Amino acid sequence: MKRIFVAAAALGTVVLAGGPSYAQVTEDSMGKVVPVHLYICNFVGRKGPSDLNKVIANWNLYMDERNSTNYAAWTLAPYHYGGDNTFDVAWLGVYTDGNALGAATDQWLAEGAELRDDFAEVLDCVAHLGMASAMYKRPADTGTPATGIITIMDCKLNEGHRYEDIQAAEVEWAEHMTRSGSTAGTYHWFPQFGGGNAEFDYKVVNAYASYAELGADWERFANGGGRAASEETFGDIDECDDARVYVATSRRAAQIR
C-alpha cells in the first residue's frame, strides 16, 4: 500500500487537542470514533463562493443562538482530482459523538427550514454521506488554521487480512511519521449512511495545516526512506487508490476530541 498521502476529520488541534501525536489511539487502535458527514455539491447557476459565504454567515448566527459547541465544519474545494471526482464544493461536518449528531439533526430538521432553503438557492447537493471517523495520529498542536489541506484515499482489505491487521500497521506508521517530524493528522472513515454499495472498506484521510507541510511529507516519503518504511509496515494488507487533495476552509470550530 502506498502511504505518501494517506490518511475529518479535522484540520487542526482545536478538534484534537493535547498529548503526544498518537495519544488518542486506544489499546484497540481505534481511538474515539466520531460521526462525520459530507455534502457533495455544485453551485447553482451563476452562484459562487461569495453567495455561499453569506449563507454560512447566517448559519453561524443560527448556531451561535443555540449555543452549539459540539459541531465543527469545513468546506472543501478540489485541488488534485480525477475526471470522475468533479464537484464544486463539499461540506464536511464533524460531531463530538452520536448523541450530538442526533440532537443537532433533530433541531436542524425542526428549525432550519429557512436556512436549508437558503443553502439550496446556492448549492445543488448530489450526495449526503454519513461516516464514522477513527483517529490514528493527531495533527500538530497549532490550533485550527483558517485554511488547510486534506487528502483522501479509498482502501480495501486484501483477502486473508482482517481490519485488526491494518489497525496495528497504522499505529506503527503513525509512530514512524511522528519520529520523522510529520505534522499530519491521520484518520480512517468508515461508510455508514447514504453511499449504497460502497466500493471501499474505509477511507484513509490525512489533514495538514498547509500545503508546505504536505510537501514535507512528500519529501520524507520520496527521498527520506518513507517508501521503504511504508512497504515494510503495510505489506500486502490493503490496496488504496490515488489520493484526492482538497483545500479546506474552516467554517466553525469545536472541541471534538
C-alpha atoms as a PDB file:
ATOM      1  CA  MET A   1       0.000   0.000   0.000  1.00  0.00           C
ATOM      2  CA  LYS A   2       1.320   3.467  -0.866  1.00  0.00           C
ATOM      3  CA  ARG A   3       1.375   5.726   2.181  1.00  0.00           C
ATOM      4  CA  ILE A   4       2.608   9.020   0.721  1.00  0.00           C
ATOM      5  CA  PHE A   5      -0.696  10.896   1.021  1.00  0.00           C
ATOM      6  CA  VAL A   6      -2.672   8.559   3.177  1.00  0.00           C
ATOM      7  CA  ALA A   7      -4.968   9.303   5.640  1.00  0.00           C
ATOM      8  CA  ALA A   8     -12.114  14.526   9.278  1.00  0.00           C
ATOM      9  CA  ALA A   9     -11.775  14.771  10.094  1.00  0.00           C
ATOM     10  CA  ALA A  10     -10.088  17.728  11.471  1.00  0.00           C
ATOM     11  CA  LEU A  11      -7.698  20.365  10.247  1.00  0.00           C
ATOM     12  CA  GLY A  12      -6.002  21.417  13.431  1.00  0.00           C
ATOM     13  CA  THR A  13      -5.927  20.789  17.112  1.00  0.00           C
ATOM     14  CA  VAL A  14      -8.989  22.788  18.102  1.00  0.00           C
ATOM     15  CA  VAL A  15     -10.661  19.463  17.365  1.00  0.00           C
ATOM     16  CA  LEU A  16      -7.796  17.234  18.505  1.00  0.00           C
ATOM     17  CA  ALA A  17      -6.022  19.000  21.335  1.00  0.00           C
ATOM     18  CA  GLY A  18      -3.400  17.777  23.774  1.00  0.00           C
ATOM     19  CA  GLY A  19      -0.964  14.932  24.334  1.00  0.00           C
ATOM     20  CA  PRO A  20       1.517  13.191  22.041  1.00  0.00           C
ATOM     21  CA  SER A  21       0.703  12.803  18.388  1.00  0.00           C
ATOM     22  CA  TYR A  22      -0.971   9.404  18.717  1.00  0.00           C
ATOM     23  CA  ALA A  23      -2.210   9.628  22.309  1.00  0.00           C
ATOM     24  CA  GLN A  24      -5.867   9.368  21.321  1.00  0.00           C
ATOM     25  CA  VAL A  25      -5.391   5.879  19.889  1.00  0.00           C
ATOM     26  CA  THR A  26      -6.614   3.390  22.483  1.00  0.00           C
ATOM     27  CA  GLU A  27      -5.472  -0.171  23.083  1.00  0.00           C
ATOM     28  CA  ASP A  28      -7.757  -1.418  20.309  1.00  0.00           C
ATOM     29  CA  SER A  29      -6.081   1.132  17.974  1.00  0.00           C
ATOM     30  CA  MET A  30      -9.353   2.879  17.187  1.00  0.00           C
ATOM     31  CA  GLY A  31      -9.373   5.924  19.456  1.00  0.00           C
ATOM     32  CA  LYS A  32     -12.635   7.784  19.982  1.00  0.00           C
ATOM     33  CA  VAL A  33     -14.889   7.223  16.967  1.00  0.00           C
ATOM     34  CA  VAL A  34     -16.935  10.282  15.989  1.00  0.00           C
ATOM     35  CA  PRO A  35     -19.647  10.930  13.356  1.00  0.00           C
ATOM     36  CA  VAL A  36     -18.645  12.672  10.129  1.00  0.00           C
ATOM     37  CA  HIS A  37     -20.887  13.751   7.280  1.00  0.00           C
ATOM     38  CA  LEU A  38     -20.229  15.090   3.787  1.00  0.00           C
ATOM     39  CA  TYR A  39     -22.450  17.005   1.362  1.00  0.00           C
ATOM     40  CA  ILE A  40     -21.126  16.809  -2.225  1.00  0.00           C
ATOM     41  CA  CYS A  41     -22.351  19.873  -4.113  1.00  0.00           C
ATOM     42  CA  ASN A  42     -22.203  22.089  -7.191  1.00  0.00           C
ATOM     43  CA  PHE A  43     -23.043  25.766  -7.375  1.00  0.00           C
ATOM     44  CA  VAL A  44     -26.474  26.638  -8.765  1.00  0.00           C
ATOM     45  CA  GLY A  45     -26.418  28.678 -11.972  1.00  0.00           C
ATOM     46  CA  ARG A  46     -24.238  31.751 -11.589  1.00  0.00           C
ATOM     47  CA  LYS A  47     -23.906  31.399  -7.816  1.00  0.00           C
ATOM     48  CA  GLY A  48     -20.428  31.139  -6.346  1.00  0.00           C
ATOM     49  CA  PRO A  49     -18.279  31.248  -3.196  1.00  0.00           C
ATOM     50  CA  SER A  50     -19.338  34.770  -2.182  1.00  0.00           C
ATOM     51  CA  ASP A  51     -23.003  33.699  -2.200  1.00  0.00           C
ATOM     52  CA  LEU A  52     -22.166  30.658  -0.095  1.00  0.00           C
ATOM     53  CA  ASN A  53     -20.216  32.780   2.389  1.00  0.00           C
ATOM     54  CA  LYS A  54     -23.323  34.887   3.042  1.00  0.00           C
ATOM     55  CA  VAL A  55     -25.428  31.827   3.801  1.00  0.00           C
ATOM     56  CA  ILE A  56     -22.722  30.381   6.043  1.00  0.00           C
ATOM     57  CA  ALA A  57     -22.561  33.652   7.997  1.00  0.00           C
ATOM     58  CA  ASN A  58     -26.290  33.349   8.725  1.00  0.00           C
ATOM     59  CA  TRP A  59     -25.864  29.669   9.583  1.00  0.00           C
ATOM     60  CA  ASN A  60     -23.179  30.558  12.119  1.00  0.00           C
ATOM     61  CA  LEU A  61     -25.595  33.037  13.724  1.00  0.00           C
ATOM     62  CA  TYR A  62     -28.147  30.225  13.903  1.00  0.00           C
ATOM     63  CA  MET A  63     -25.560  28.001  15.599  1.00  0.00           C
ATOM     64  CA  ASP A  64     -24.491  30.767  17.999  1.00  0.00           C
ATOM     65  CA  GLU A  65     -28.093  31.438  19.021  1.00  0.00           C
ATOM     66  CA  ARG A  66     -28.359  27.765  20.003  1.00  0.00           C
ATOM     67  CA  ASN A  67     -25.017  27.788  21.836  1.00  0.00           C
ATOM     68  CA  SER A  68     -23.738  24.982  19.628  1.00  0.00           C
ATOM     69  CA  THR A  69     -20.285  23.791  20.710  1.00  0.00           C
ATOM     70  CA  ASN A  70     -20.388  20.156  19.569  1.00  0.00           C
ATOM     71  CA  TYR A  71     -20.061  20.506  15.796  1.00  0.00           C
ATOM     72  CA  ALA A  72     -17.142  21.590  13.587  1.00  0.00           C
ATOM     73  CA  ALA A  73     -17.404  22.286   9.852  1.00  0.00           C
ATOM     74  CA  TRP A  74     -15.257  22.956   6.790  1.00  0.00           C
ATOM     75  CA  THR A  75     -15.872  23.485   3.095  1.00  0.00           C
ATOM     76  CA  LEU A  76     -13.634  21.528   0.714  1.00  0.00           C
ATOM     77  CA  ALA A  77     -12.554  22.656  -2.751  1.00  0.00           C
ATOM     78  CA  PRO A  78     -10.960  20.060  -5.077  1.00  0.00           C
ATOM     79  CA  TYR A  79      -7.281  20.673  -5.885  1.00  0.00           C
ATOM     80  CA  HIS A  80      -5.930  17.343  -7.221  1.00  0.00           C
ATOM     81  CA  TYR A  81      -8.730  15.180  -8.619  1.00  0.00           C
ATOM     82  CA  GLY A  82      -9.709  12.866 -11.469  1.00  0.00           C
ATOM     83  CA  GLY A  83     -12.426  13.067 -14.083  1.00  0.00           C
ATOM     84  CA  ASP A  84     -14.874  11.044 -12.008  1.00  0.00           C
ATOM     85  CA  ASN A  85     -14.326  13.116  -8.847  1.00  0.00           C
ATOM     86  CA  THR A  86     -15.514  16.524 -10.011  1.00  0.00           C
ATOM     87  CA  PHE A  87     -17.695  18.794  -7.880  1.00  0.00           C
ATOM     88  CA  ASP A  88     -17.529  22.444  -6.887  1.00  0.00           C
ATOM     89  CA  VAL A  89     -17.580  22.217  -3.114  1.00  0.00           C
ATOM     90  CA  ALA A  90     -18.111  19.719  -0.307  1.00  0.00           C
ATOM     91  CA  TRP A  91     -19.328  20.391   3.218  1.00  0.00           C
ATOM     92  CA  LEU A  92     -17.501  18.401   5.901  1.00  0.00           C
ATOM     93  CA  GLY A  93     -19.089  18.308   9.351  1.00  0.00           C
ATOM     94  CA  VAL A  94     -17.902  16.502  12.495  1.00  0.00           C
ATOM     95  CA  TYR A  95     -19.856  15.924  15.722  1.00  0.00           C
ATOM     96  CA  THR A  96     -18.438  15.259  19.177  1.00  0.00           C
ATOM     97  CA  ASP A  97     -20.400  11.990  19.428  1.00  0.00           C
ATOM     98  CA  GLY A  98     -23.529  10.178  18.302  1.00  0.00           C
ATOM     99  CA  ASN A  99     -25.726  11.928  20.869  1.00  0.00           C
ATOM    100  CA  ALA A 100     -24.671  15.312  19.486  1.00  0.00           C
ATOM    101  CA  LEU A 101     -25.399  14.052  15.972  1.00  0.00           C
ATOM    102  CA  GLY A 102     -28.914  13.005  16.944  1.00  0.00           C
ATOM    103  CA  ALA A 103     -29.847  16.118  18.908  1.00  0.00           C
ATOM    104  CA  ALA A 104     -28.406  18.548  16.365  1.00  0.00           C
ATOM    105  CA  THR A 105     -30.082  16.789  13.439  1.00  0.00           C
ATOM    106  CA  ASP A 106     -33.493  16.796  15.158  1.00  0.00           C
ATOM    107  CA  GLN A 107     -33.076  20.510  15.843  1.00  0.00           C
ATOM    108  CA  TRP A 108     -31.940  21.250  12.272  1.00  0.00           C
ATOM    109  CA  LEU A 109     -34.907  19.389  10.787  1.00  0.00           C
ATOM    110  CA  ALA A 110     -37.334  21.170  13.113  1.00  0.00           C
ATOM    111  CA  GLU A 111     -35.925  24.702  12.990  1.00  0.00           C
ATOM    112  CA  GLY A 112     -33.626  25.028   9.970  1.00  0.00           C
ATOM    113  CA  ALA A 113     -36.078  25.120   7.065  1.00  0.00           C
ATOM    114  CA  GLU A 114     -35.331  28.727   6.099  1.00  0.00           C
ATOM    115  CA  LEU A 115     -31.588  28.151   6.144  1.00  0.00           C
ATOM    116  CA  ARG A 116     -31.957  24.911   4.206  1.00  0.00           C
ATOM    117  CA  ASP A 117     -33.783  26.876   1.514  1.00  0.00           C
ATOM    118  CA  ASP A 118     -31.009  29.494   1.533  1.00  0.00           C
ATOM    119  CA  PHE A 119     -28.368  26.810   1.044  1.00  0.00           C
ATOM    120  CA  ALA A 120     -30.450  25.209  -1.737  1.00  0.00           C
ATOM    121  CA  GLU A 121     -30.508  28.515  -3.643  1.00  0.00           C
ATOM    122  CA  VAL A 122     -26.707  28.410  -3.790  1.00  0.00           C
ATOM    123  CA  LEU A 123     -25.810  24.703  -3.808  1.00  0.00           C
ATOM    124  CA  ASP A 124     -27.196  21.663  -5.583  1.00  0.00           C
ATOM    125  CA  CYS A 125     -26.018  18.744  -3.445  1.00  0.00           C
ATOM    126  CA  VAL A 126     -25.951  15.386  -5.214  1.00  0.00           C
ATOM    127  CA  ALA A 127     -24.951  13.286  -2.199  1.00  0.00           C
ATOM    128  CA  HIS A 128     -25.101  13.376   1.594  1.00  0.00           C
ATOM    129  CA  LEU A 129     -22.868  10.739   3.178  1.00  0.00           C
ATOM    130  CA  GLY A 130     -22.512   9.700   6.820  1.00  0.00           C
ATOM    131  CA  MET A 131     -19.327   8.041   8.096  1.00  0.00           C
ATOM    132  CA  ALA A 132     -17.577   7.093  11.326  1.00  0.00           C
ATOM    133  CA  SER A 133     -14.110   8.584  11.887  1.00  0.00           C
ATOM    134  CA  ALA A 134     -11.323   6.967  13.934  1.00  0.00           C
ATOM    135  CA  MET A 135      -8.076   8.815  14.567  1.00  0.00           C
ATOM    136  CA  TYR A 136      -4.637   7.181  14.294  1.00  0.00           C
ATOM    137  CA  LYS A 137      -2.395  10.246  14.503  1.00  0.00           C
ATOM    138  CA  ARG A 138      -3.296  13.662  15.843  1.00  0.00           C
ATOM    139  CA  PRO A 139      -2.056  16.758  13.983  1.00  0.00           C
ATOM    140  CA  ALA A 140       0.446  19.177  15.455  1.00  0.00           C
ATOM    141  CA  ASP A 141      -0.942  21.309  18.283  1.00  0.00           C
ATOM    142  CA  THR A 142      -1.018  24.634  16.419  1.00  0.00           C
ATOM    143  CA  GLY A 143      -4.728  25.456  16.535  1.00  0.00           C
ATOM    144  CA  THR A 144      -7.244  25.258  13.722  1.00  0.00           C
ATOM    145  CA  PRO A 145      -5.974  27.130  10.643  1.00  0.00           C
ATOM    146  CA  ALA A 146      -8.365  29.233   8.571  1.00  0.00           C
ATOM    147  CA  THR A 147      -7.459  27.021   5.621  1.00  0.00           C
ATOM    148  CA  GLY A 148      -5.749  23.658   5.372  1.00  0.00           C
ATOM    149  CA  ILE A 149      -5.253  20.635   3.152  1.00  0.00           C
ATOM    150  CA  ILE A 150      -6.715  17.147   3.356  1.00  0.00           C
ATOM    151  CA  THR A 151      -6.029  14.071   1.256  1.00  0.00           C
ATOM    152  CA  ILE A 152      -8.455  11.180   0.871  1.00  0.00           C
ATOM    153  CA  MET A 153      -7.916   7.658  -0.486  1.00  0.00           C
ATOM    154  CA  ASP A 154     -10.357   4.735  -0.773  1.00  0.00           C
ATOM    155  CA  CYS A 155      -8.938   1.457   0.574  1.00  0.00           C
ATOM    156  CA  LYS A 156      -9.931  -2.222   0.583  1.00  0.00           C
ATOM    157  CA  LEU A 157      -8.507  -5.021   2.702  1.00  0.00           C
ATOM    158  CA  ASN A 158      -6.838  -7.760   0.707  1.00  0.00           C
ATOM    159  CA  GLU A 159      -8.063 -11.341   1.004  1.00  0.00           C
ATOM    160  CA  GLY A 160      -6.766 -13.094   4.079  1.00  0.00           C
ATOM    161  CA  HIS A 161      -6.461  -9.928   6.173  1.00  0.00           C
ATOM    162  CA  ARG A 162      -8.694  -8.511   8.886  1.00  0.00           C
ATOM    163  CA  TYR A 163      -9.130  -4.909   9.955  1.00  0.00           C
ATOM    164  CA  GLU A 164      -7.058  -5.645  13.062  1.00  0.00           C
ATOM    165  CA  ASP A 165      -4.062  -6.057  10.737  1.00  0.00           C
ATOM    166  CA  ILE A 166      -4.394  -2.564   9.323  1.00  0.00           C
ATOM    167  CA  GLN A 167      -5.043  -1.128  12.794  1.00  0.00           C
ATOM    168  CA  ALA A 168      -1.692  -2.382  14.039  1.00  0.00           C
ATOM    169  CA  ALA A 169       0.060  -1.162  10.892  1.00  0.00           C
ATOM    170  CA  GLU A 170      -1.486   2.315  11.141  1.00  0.00           C
ATOM    171  CA  VAL A 171      -0.361   2.699  14.755  1.00  0.00           C
ATOM    172  CA  GLU A 172       3.180   1.675  13.781  1.00  0.00           C
ATOM    173  CA  TRP A 173       3.103   4.039  10.804  1.00  0.00           C
ATOM    174  CA  ALA A 174       1.835   6.912  12.965  1.00  0.00           C
ATOM    175  CA  GLU A 175       4.777   6.412  15.308  1.00  0.00           C
ATOM    176  CA  HIS A 176       7.174   6.394  12.336  1.00  0.00           C
ATOM    177  CA  MET A 177       5.689   9.586  10.910  1.00  0.00           C
ATOM    178  CA  THR A 178       5.834  11.314  14.280  1.00  0.00           C
ATOM    179  CA  ARG A 179       9.527  10.416  14.688  1.00  0.00           C
ATOM    180  CA  SER A 180      10.126  11.703  11.150  1.00  0.00           C
ATOM    181  CA  GLY A 181       8.614  15.090  12.018  1.00  0.00           C
ATOM    182  CA  SER A 182       5.273  14.822  10.222  1.00  0.00           C
ATOM    183  CA  THR A 183       2.594  17.239  11.455  1.00  0.00           C
ATOM    184  CA  ALA A 184      -0.303  15.489   9.700  1.00  0.00           C
ATOM    185  CA  GLY A 185      -3.371  14.066  11.388  1.00  0.00           C
ATOM    186  CA  THR A 186      -4.403  10.615  10.147  1.00  0.00           C
ATOM    187  CA  TYR A 187      -7.910   9.135  10.224  1.00  0.00           C
ATOM    188  CA  HIS A 188      -9.983   6.271   8.876  1.00  0.00           C
ATOM    189  CA  TRP A 189     -13.535   6.975   7.735  1.00  0.00           C
ATOM    190  CA  PHE A 190     -15.977   4.048   7.554  1.00  0.00           C
ATOM    191  CA  PRO A 191     -19.116   4.208   5.353  1.00  0.00           C
ATOM    192  CA  GLN A 192     -22.425   4.192   7.213  1.00  0.00           C
ATOM    193  CA  PHE A 193     -25.173   6.263   5.592  1.00  0.00           C
ATOM    194  CA  GLY A 194     -26.067   7.344   2.081  1.00  0.00           C
ATOM    195  CA  GLY A 195     -23.433   5.672  -0.055  1.00  0.00           C
ATOM    196  CA  GLY A 196     -25.129   2.439  -1.056  1.00  0.00           C
ATOM    197  CA  ASN A 197     -22.808  -0.318  -2.250  1.00  0.00           C
ATOM    198  CA  ALA A 198     -19.505   1.273  -1.235  1.00  0.00           C
ATOM    199  CA  GLU A 199     -16.537   0.001  -3.246  1.00  0.00           C
ATOM    200  CA  PHE A 200     -14.133   0.557  -0.338  1.00  0.00           C
ATOM    201  CA  ASP A 201     -13.796  -0.690   3.220  1.00  0.00           C
ATOM    202  CA  TYR A 202     -12.571   2.630   4.606  1.00  0.00           C
ATOM    203  CA  LYS A 203     -11.161   5.957   3.518  1.00  0.00           C
ATOM    204  CA  VAL A 204      -7.710   6.968   4.708  1.00  0.00           C
ATOM    205  CA  VAL A 205      -7.556  10.721   5.367  1.00  0.00           C
ATOM    206  CA  ASN A 206      -4.605  12.981   6.152  1.00  0.00           C
ATOM    207  CA  ALA A 207      -5.106  16.532   7.416  1.00  0.00           C
ATOM    208  CA  TYR A 208      -2.437  19.239   7.070  1.00  0.00           C
ATOM    209  CA  ALA A 209      -2.341  22.848   8.229  1.00  0.00           C
ATOM    210  CA  SER A 210      -0.691  23.876   4.932  1.00  0.00           C
ATOM    211  CA  TYR A 211       0.492  22.588   1.580  1.00  0.00           C
ATOM    212  CA  ALA A 212       4.075  23.148   2.765  1.00  0.00           C
ATOM    213  CA  GLU A 213       3.529  20.501   5.440  1.00  0.00           C
ATOM    214  CA  LEU A 214       2.071  18.102   2.893  1.00  0.00           C
ATOM    215  CA  GLY A 215       5.101  18.760   0.693  1.00  0.00           C
ATOM    216  CA  ALA A 216       7.399  17.959   3.605  1.00  0.00           C
ATOM    217  CA  ASP A 217       5.718  14.554   3.974  1.00  0.00           C
ATOM    218  CA  TRP A 218       6.083  14.028   0.217  1.00  0.00           C
ATOM    219  CA  GLU A 219       9.829  14.611   0.560  1.00  0.00           C
ATOM    220  CA  ARG A 220      10.068  12.282   3.566  1.00  0.00           C
ATOM    221  CA  PHE A 221       8.351   9.575   1.550  1.00  0.00           C
ATOM    222  CA  ALA A 222      10.092  10.039  -1.806  1.00  0.00           C
ATOM    223  CA  ASN A 223      13.642  10.815  -0.680  1.00  0.00           C
ATOM    224  CA  GLY A 224      13.758  10.232   3.067  1.00  0.00           C
ATOM    225  CA  GLY A 225      13.200   6.495   3.329  1.00  0.00           C
ATOM    226  CA  GLY A 226       9.456   6.666   3.764  1.00  0.00           C
ATOM    227  CA  ARG A 227       8.607   4.423   0.832  1.00  0.00           C
ATOM    228  CA  ALA A 228      10.687   1.520   2.163  1.00  0.00           C
ATOM    229  CA  ALA A 229       9.267   2.029   5.673  1.00  0.00           C
ATOM    230  CA  SER A 230       5.743   2.043   4.249  1.00  0.00           C
ATOM    231  CA  GLU A 231       6.263  -1.175   2.329  1.00  0.00           C
ATOM    232  CA  GLU A 232       7.699  -2.856   5.420  1.00  0.00           C
ATOM    233  CA  THR A 233       4.834  -1.643   7.637  1.00  0.00           C
ATOM    234  CA  PHE A 234       1.837  -2.311   5.399  1.00  0.00           C
ATOM    235  CA  GLY A 235       2.997  -5.080   3.083  1.00  0.00           C
ATOM    236  CA  ASP A 236       0.006  -6.534   1.239  1.00  0.00           C
ATOM    237  CA  ILE A 237      -2.632  -5.801   3.899  1.00  0.00           C
ATOM    238  CA  ASP A 238      -4.731  -3.476   1.761  1.00  0.00           C
ATOM    239  CA  GLU A 239      -4.936  -1.657  -1.562  1.00  0.00           C
ATOM    240  CA  CYS A 240      -5.714   2.043  -1.941  1.00  0.00           C
ATOM    241  CA  ASP A 241      -6.395   4.278  -4.919  1.00  0.00           C
ATOM    242  CA  ASP A 242      -4.611   7.563  -5.639  1.00  0.00           C
ATOM    243  CA  ALA A 243      -5.266  10.332  -3.148  1.00  0.00           C
ATOM    244  CA  ARG A 244      -7.524  13.260  -3.946  1.00  0.00           C
ATOM    245  CA  VAL A 245      -6.381  16.578  -2.457  1.00  0.00           C
ATOM    246  CA  TYR A 246      -8.714  19.302  -1.185  1.00  0.00           C
ATOM    247  CA  VAL A 247      -8.261  22.820   0.133  1.00  0.00           C
ATOM    248  CA  ALA A 248     -10.319  23.080   3.318  1.00  0.00           C
ATOM    249  CA  THR A 249     -11.723  26.292   4.779  1.00  0.00           C
ATOM    250  CA  SER A 250     -12.721  26.264   8.443  1.00  0.00           C
ATOM    251  CA  ARG A 251     -16.337  27.371   8.886  1.00  0.00           C
ATOM    252  CA  ARG A 252     -16.951  26.536  12.532  1.00  0.00           C
ATOM    253  CA  ALA A 253     -14.538  25.294  15.187  1.00  0.00           C
ATOM    254  CA  ALA A 254     -15.327  22.992  18.113  1.00  0.00           C
ATOM    255  CA  GLN A 255     -13.504  20.740  20.581  1.00  0.00           C
ATOM    256  CA  ILE A 256     -14.276  17.357  19.013  1.00  0.00           C
ATOM    257  CA  ARG A 257     -11.660  15.051  20.593  1.00  0.00           C
END
